[in-house]
Protein backbone atom coordinates (compact mmCIF):
# COMPACT_ATOMS: atom_id res chain seq x y z
CA MET A 1 33.55 0.69 32.57
CA ALA A 2 36.47 -1.66 32.47
CA PHE A 3 35.80 -2.64 36.09
CA LEU A 4 32.63 -4.29 34.83
CA GLN A 5 34.35 -6.16 31.98
CA PRO A 6 33.20 -4.05 29.03
CA LEU A 7 32.45 -5.55 25.64
CA SER A 8 33.03 -3.15 22.77
CA LEU A 9 30.47 -3.36 20.00
CA ASN A 10 31.76 -0.35 18.09
CA THR A 11 33.30 -1.18 14.72
CA ASN A 12 35.37 1.97 14.31
CA PRO A 13 39.11 1.21 14.15
CA PRO A 14 40.76 1.88 17.52
CA ALA A 15 43.61 4.27 17.98
CA LYS A 16 47.02 3.00 19.07
CA LYS A 17 46.34 0.61 21.95
CA MET A 18 47.64 1.27 25.45
CA SER A 19 47.72 -1.67 27.82
CA ASN A 20 44.74 -1.69 30.17
CA ILE A 21 45.64 -1.50 33.86
CA TYR A 22 43.70 -2.66 36.92
CA CYS A 23 45.17 -2.08 40.39
CA ARG A 24 43.86 -3.32 43.72
CA LEU A 25 44.86 -0.88 46.44
CA GLY A 26 42.56 -1.92 49.29
CA LYS A 27 45.23 -3.89 51.16
CA VAL A 28 48.21 -1.77 50.14
CA PRO A 29 49.72 -0.10 53.27
CA ARG A 30 49.16 3.66 53.55
CA LEU A 31 51.52 6.12 55.22
CA VAL A 32 48.81 8.61 56.23
CA SER A 33 45.21 8.35 57.38
CA PHE A 34 43.43 9.88 54.38
CA PRO A 35 39.60 9.62 54.54
CA PHE A 36 39.18 8.58 50.90
CA LYS A 37 41.19 5.37 50.46
CA LEU A 38 40.87 3.82 47.01
CA ASP A 39 39.92 0.16 46.79
CA THR A 40 40.64 -0.17 43.06
CA ILE A 41 41.82 2.06 40.26
CA GLY A 42 42.17 1.34 36.57
CA TRP A 43 42.83 2.68 33.11
CA THR A 44 41.31 1.30 29.94
CA THR A 45 41.11 2.27 26.28
CA ASN A 46 38.70 1.88 23.38
CA GLN A 47 35.58 1.33 25.49
CA ALA A 48 31.98 1.39 24.29
CA LEU A 49 29.78 -0.79 26.50
CA SER A 50 29.53 -1.95 30.12
CA GLN A 51 27.73 -4.96 31.54
CA GLY A 52 24.66 -4.47 33.68
CA MET A 53 25.02 -5.19 37.40
CA TYR A 54 24.48 -3.74 40.86
CA LEU A 55 27.66 -2.11 42.10
CA PRO A 56 28.99 -3.43 45.43
CA ASP A 57 31.17 -0.34 45.89
CA ASN A 58 31.11 3.36 45.13
CA PHE A 59 32.29 3.84 41.56
CA VAL A 60 33.65 6.94 39.84
CA CYS A 61 34.42 6.88 36.13
CA ILE A 62 36.10 9.59 34.06
CA SER A 63 35.64 9.08 30.31
CA PHE A 64 37.70 11.10 27.84
CA TYR A 65 39.29 11.13 24.35
CA LEU A 66 35.95 10.82 22.55
CA LYS A 67 37.44 12.91 19.74
CA LYS A 68 40.34 10.46 19.36
CA TYR A 69 37.90 7.84 18.08
CA ASN A 70 35.43 10.09 16.26
CA SER A 71 36.71 13.07 14.30
CA ALA A 72 33.15 14.37 13.91
CA ILE A 73 33.22 15.53 17.56
CA LYS A 74 34.43 19.13 17.78
CA ASN A 75 36.29 19.05 21.08
CA ASP A 76 37.48 16.58 23.69
CA TYR A 77 34.87 16.33 26.42
CA ILE A 78 34.90 14.52 29.74
CA LYS A 79 32.04 12.37 30.94
CA PHE A 80 31.98 12.20 34.73
CA SER A 81 30.03 9.44 36.51
CA PHE A 82 29.56 8.95 40.24
CA LEU A 83 27.65 5.74 41.02
CA PRO A 84 27.02 5.09 44.73
CA VAL A 85 26.82 1.61 46.28
CA ASN A 86 24.02 -0.60 44.87
CA THR A 87 23.49 1.54 41.77
CA PHE A 88 22.43 -0.60 38.82
CA THR A 89 24.46 0.06 35.71
CA GLY A 90 22.84 -1.28 32.55
CA GLY A 91 24.75 -2.51 29.52
CA LYS A 92 24.45 0.37 27.09
CA ASP A 93 26.20 1.73 24.01
CA VAL A 94 28.14 4.93 24.64
CA PRO A 95 30.53 6.91 22.43
CA LEU A 96 33.88 5.15 22.07
CA HIS A 97 36.36 6.56 24.59
CA ASP A 98 39.24 5.96 27.01
CA GLU A 99 38.57 6.04 30.72
CA ILE A 100 40.05 5.99 34.18
CA PHE A 101 37.95 4.53 36.98
CA PHE A 102 38.01 4.38 40.76
CA SER A 103 36.11 2.34 43.36
CA TYR A 104 35.68 2.99 47.08
CA ASN A 105 34.38 0.71 49.83
CA PRO A 106 30.89 1.36 51.27
CA ASP A 107 32.37 2.75 54.50
CA VAL A 108 33.18 6.04 52.72
CA THR A 109 29.80 6.39 50.99
CA ASP A 110 28.58 9.21 53.23
CA ALA A 111 31.83 11.14 52.83
CA LEU A 112 31.74 10.75 49.02
CA CYS A 113 28.10 11.81 48.85
CA LYS A 114 28.96 14.90 50.89
CA LEU A 115 31.88 15.65 48.57
CA PHE A 116 29.71 15.36 45.46
CA GLY A 117 26.67 16.96 47.04
CA THR A 118 24.30 14.10 46.25
CA LYS A 119 23.30 10.63 47.43
CA GLU A 120 22.10 9.73 43.94
CA LYS A 121 24.10 8.73 40.91
CA MET A 122 25.53 11.69 39.05
CA ILE A 123 26.39 11.59 35.35
CA PHE A 124 27.22 14.47 33.05
CA TYR A 125 29.07 15.22 29.83
CA GLY A 126 30.62 18.44 28.81
CA VAL A 127 33.74 19.38 30.73
CA PRO A 128 36.45 20.40 28.26
CA PHE A 129 39.52 18.21 28.66
CA ASN A 130 41.68 21.13 29.73
CA GLU A 131 45.41 21.12 30.43
CA HIS A 132 45.01 21.11 34.22
CA ILE A 133 42.79 18.01 34.18
CA GLN A 134 45.02 16.32 31.60
CA GLU A 135 48.04 16.88 33.84
CA ILE A 136 46.34 15.25 36.85
CA ILE A 137 45.32 12.23 34.75
CA LYS A 138 48.86 12.01 33.36
CA LYS A 139 50.26 11.89 36.92
CA ILE A 140 47.78 9.16 37.87
CA ARG A 141 48.68 7.12 34.80
CA GLN A 142 52.40 7.35 35.62
CA ARG A 143 51.86 6.20 39.20
CA LEU A 144 49.79 3.16 38.18
CA ASP A 145 52.92 1.41 36.89
CA VAL A 146 54.47 1.55 40.38
CA HIS A 147 51.32 1.40 42.50
CA ASN A 148 52.83 -1.12 44.95
CA ASP A 149 55.78 1.13 45.82
CA LEU A 150 55.72 2.63 49.30
CA GLY A 151 53.71 5.86 49.38
CA VAL A 152 52.25 5.57 45.87
CA ALA A 153 48.82 4.45 47.10
CA ASP A 154 48.69 7.61 49.24
CA GLU A 155 49.52 9.69 46.16
CA LEU A 156 46.79 8.01 44.14
CA ASP A 157 44.24 8.56 46.94
CA THR A 158 44.89 12.29 46.90
CA LEU A 159 45.28 12.61 43.12
CA ALA A 160 41.86 11.00 42.65
CA ILE A 161 40.13 13.55 44.90
CA HIS A 162 42.10 16.36 43.26
CA LEU A 163 40.83 15.13 39.87
CA PHE A 164 37.21 14.93 41.03
CA THR A 165 37.18 18.39 42.59
CA SER A 166 38.93 19.93 39.56
CA ILE A 167 36.28 18.47 37.27
CA LEU A 168 33.44 19.61 39.54
CA LYS A 169 34.83 23.15 39.60
CA ALA A 170 35.12 23.11 35.80
CA VAL A 171 31.54 21.85 35.50
CA LYS A 172 30.26 24.68 37.66
CA GLN A 173 32.11 27.22 35.58
CA GLU A 174 30.98 25.74 32.28
CA ASN A 175 27.37 25.54 33.51
CA ASN A 176 27.48 29.22 34.41
CA ASN A 177 28.80 30.01 30.94
CA GLY A 178 26.19 27.81 29.26
CA LYS A 179 28.82 25.67 27.52
CA VAL A 180 28.04 22.17 28.79
CA PRO A 181 26.65 19.99 25.97
CA ASN A 182 23.30 18.32 26.54
CA ILE A 183 23.96 14.65 27.34
CA ASN A 184 21.01 13.65 25.15
CA ILE A 185 22.89 14.84 22.07
CA PHE A 186 25.33 11.96 22.55
CA GLU A 187 22.39 9.58 22.99
CA ILE A 188 20.89 10.81 19.72
CA ALA A 189 24.24 10.32 17.98
CA GLU A 190 24.30 6.70 19.14
CA GLY A 191 20.74 6.26 17.86
CA LEU A 192 21.71 7.64 14.46
CA LYS A 193 24.64 5.20 14.29
CA LYS A 194 22.14 2.37 14.76
CA GLY A 195 19.99 3.68 11.92
CA GLN A 196 17.20 5.22 14.00
CA GLU A 197 15.21 8.02 12.40
CA LEU A 198 16.27 11.56 13.39
CA ASN A 199 12.83 13.09 13.88
CA SER A 200 11.82 10.23 16.18
CA LEU A 201 14.98 10.73 18.24
CA ILE A 202 14.38 14.49 18.47
CA ARG A 203 10.86 13.88 19.78
CA LYS A 204 12.03 11.11 22.15
CA TYR A 205 14.50 13.43 23.88
CA GLY A 206 12.15 16.41 24.02
CA PHE A 207 13.89 18.83 21.64
CA SER A 208 12.35 21.26 19.22
CA ARG A 209 14.13 21.03 15.86
CA ARG A 210 15.69 24.45 16.34
CA ASN A 211 16.93 23.68 19.85
CA PHE A 212 18.23 20.29 18.75
CA TYR A 213 20.39 21.78 15.99
CA ILE A 214 21.78 24.42 18.36
CA HIS A 215 22.93 21.69 20.78
CA TRP A 216 24.07 19.34 17.99
CA ASN A 217 26.25 21.97 16.31
CA ASN A 218 27.93 22.76 19.63
CA VAL A 219 29.27 19.20 19.74
CA PHE A 220 29.65 17.88 16.19
CA ASN A 221 31.39 19.15 13.06
CA LEU A 222 29.00 17.24 10.77
CA SER A 223 25.27 17.53 10.22
CA PRO A 224 23.23 14.57 11.58
CA VAL A 225 22.84 13.22 8.04
CA ASN A 226 26.55 13.41 7.30
CA PHE A 227 27.39 12.07 10.76
CA ARG A 228 25.31 8.99 10.05
CA LEU A 229 26.86 8.61 6.58
CA ASN A 230 30.37 8.92 8.04
CA GLU A 231 29.62 6.17 10.56
CA GLN A 232 28.18 3.91 7.83
CA LEU A 233 31.28 4.35 5.69
CA SER A 234 33.60 3.72 8.65
CA ASP A 235 31.72 0.51 9.43
CA ALA A 236 31.97 -0.51 5.77
CA ALA A 237 35.73 0.10 5.76
CA ASP A 238 36.14 -2.09 8.84
CA MET A 239 34.10 -4.88 7.25
CA LEU A 240 36.12 -4.67 4.04
CA LYS A 241 39.29 -5.11 6.10
CA GLU A 242 38.06 -7.76 8.51
CA THR A 243 35.42 -9.92 6.78
CA ASP A 244 34.89 -11.94 3.61
CA PHE A 245 31.45 -10.51 2.91
CA SER A 246 30.89 -9.38 -0.65
CA ILE A 247 30.82 -5.65 -1.29
CA LYS A 248 27.08 -5.85 -1.98
CA GLU A 249 26.53 -7.60 1.37
CA ILE A 250 28.63 -5.01 3.19
CA SER A 251 26.74 -2.21 1.50
CA GLU A 252 23.42 -3.65 2.68
CA LYS A 253 24.65 -4.46 6.21
CA CYS A 254 25.81 -0.85 6.59
CA GLY A 255 22.43 0.53 5.58
CA PHE A 256 22.97 1.42 1.91
CA SER A 257 20.07 0.46 -0.33
CA ASN A 258 21.81 1.63 -3.51
CA LEU A 259 25.15 0.05 -4.45
CA VAL A 260 26.07 2.82 -6.89
CA TYR A 261 25.52 5.44 -4.17
CA PHE A 262 27.64 3.39 -1.75
CA TYR A 263 30.54 3.24 -4.26
CA LYS A 264 30.28 6.98 -4.89
CA LYS A 265 30.31 7.99 -1.21
CA PHE A 266 33.00 5.47 -0.28
CA ARG A 267 35.29 6.80 -2.98
CA GLN A 268 34.68 10.37 -1.85
CA LYS A 269 35.72 9.49 1.73
CA TYR A 270 38.63 7.09 1.09
CA GLY A 271 39.85 8.14 -2.35
CA LYS A 272 39.37 4.68 -3.86
CA THR A 273 36.63 2.20 -4.61
CA PRO A 274 35.66 -0.44 -2.02
CA THR A 275 37.28 -3.08 -4.24
CA ALA A 276 40.58 -1.20 -4.43
CA PHE A 277 40.43 -0.40 -0.70
CA ARG A 278 40.00 -4.08 0.20
CA ALA A 279 42.80 -5.16 -2.17
CA GLU A 280 45.15 -2.59 -0.63
CA MET A 281 44.33 -3.72 2.91
CA PHE A 282 44.86 -7.37 1.98
CA ASN A 283 48.21 -6.56 0.33
CA MET A 284 49.36 -4.73 3.45
CA ARG A 285 48.54 -7.78 5.55
CA GLY A 286 50.15 -10.14 3.07
CA VAL A 287 46.89 -11.98 2.43
């Protein structure tokens, strides 16, 4: 959550960077008396971690473009989070993503809880990033650049609620069709990236092996083993570009115990040896 000053620990190379935006709307004059007046709204890219703190306001976060940063994910999914006042949000790795976030003052807590149908925090993955939702987010993004213009804050107030209700309707439909991915699958993926053992993760999150693979294959193009290997190789490529570690050191830091195996798999993925890959990257940068 950019509102909480995120620190990205993910080593995958980011996509083309869009400037992050943070807008304070609390004191911007409104033309109409809309019950859900935004206090802040923001847009941020390439996020992976948020700091832990108790939230002083109601916070809604829409995370999207997971597929943009990880080609192993089959489709673009939305993660929707509603965090009421005083919710504690712990610093935690999540899949790399872009996000748009909204905060509301405590005086609208009851109205928001009624809108969302809960007084507790609500977090779920799994809404396909469909054209209707994309269009609403596009409109919000366009208005952020002129958020101080007369009437724009009113537009953003209503667009935000339109976005929330559109997502909630899509969630209901997807739940009825049995298409919403299990959020724990994303947690297991993060565990695999850190080198945790698959069977332990399956037990930790209460899956049978058969049920796990059904849920996993709904989300990812790669098997868990190949997903982990892909992440290791991506981390190695980043380290070859950005550090002076030896290739043997990079191999070990990325979890490869066999240097020959590392060379073989790296060449299969990138079409060249780690040595040639590093030389090419250095030449491109004029090093």
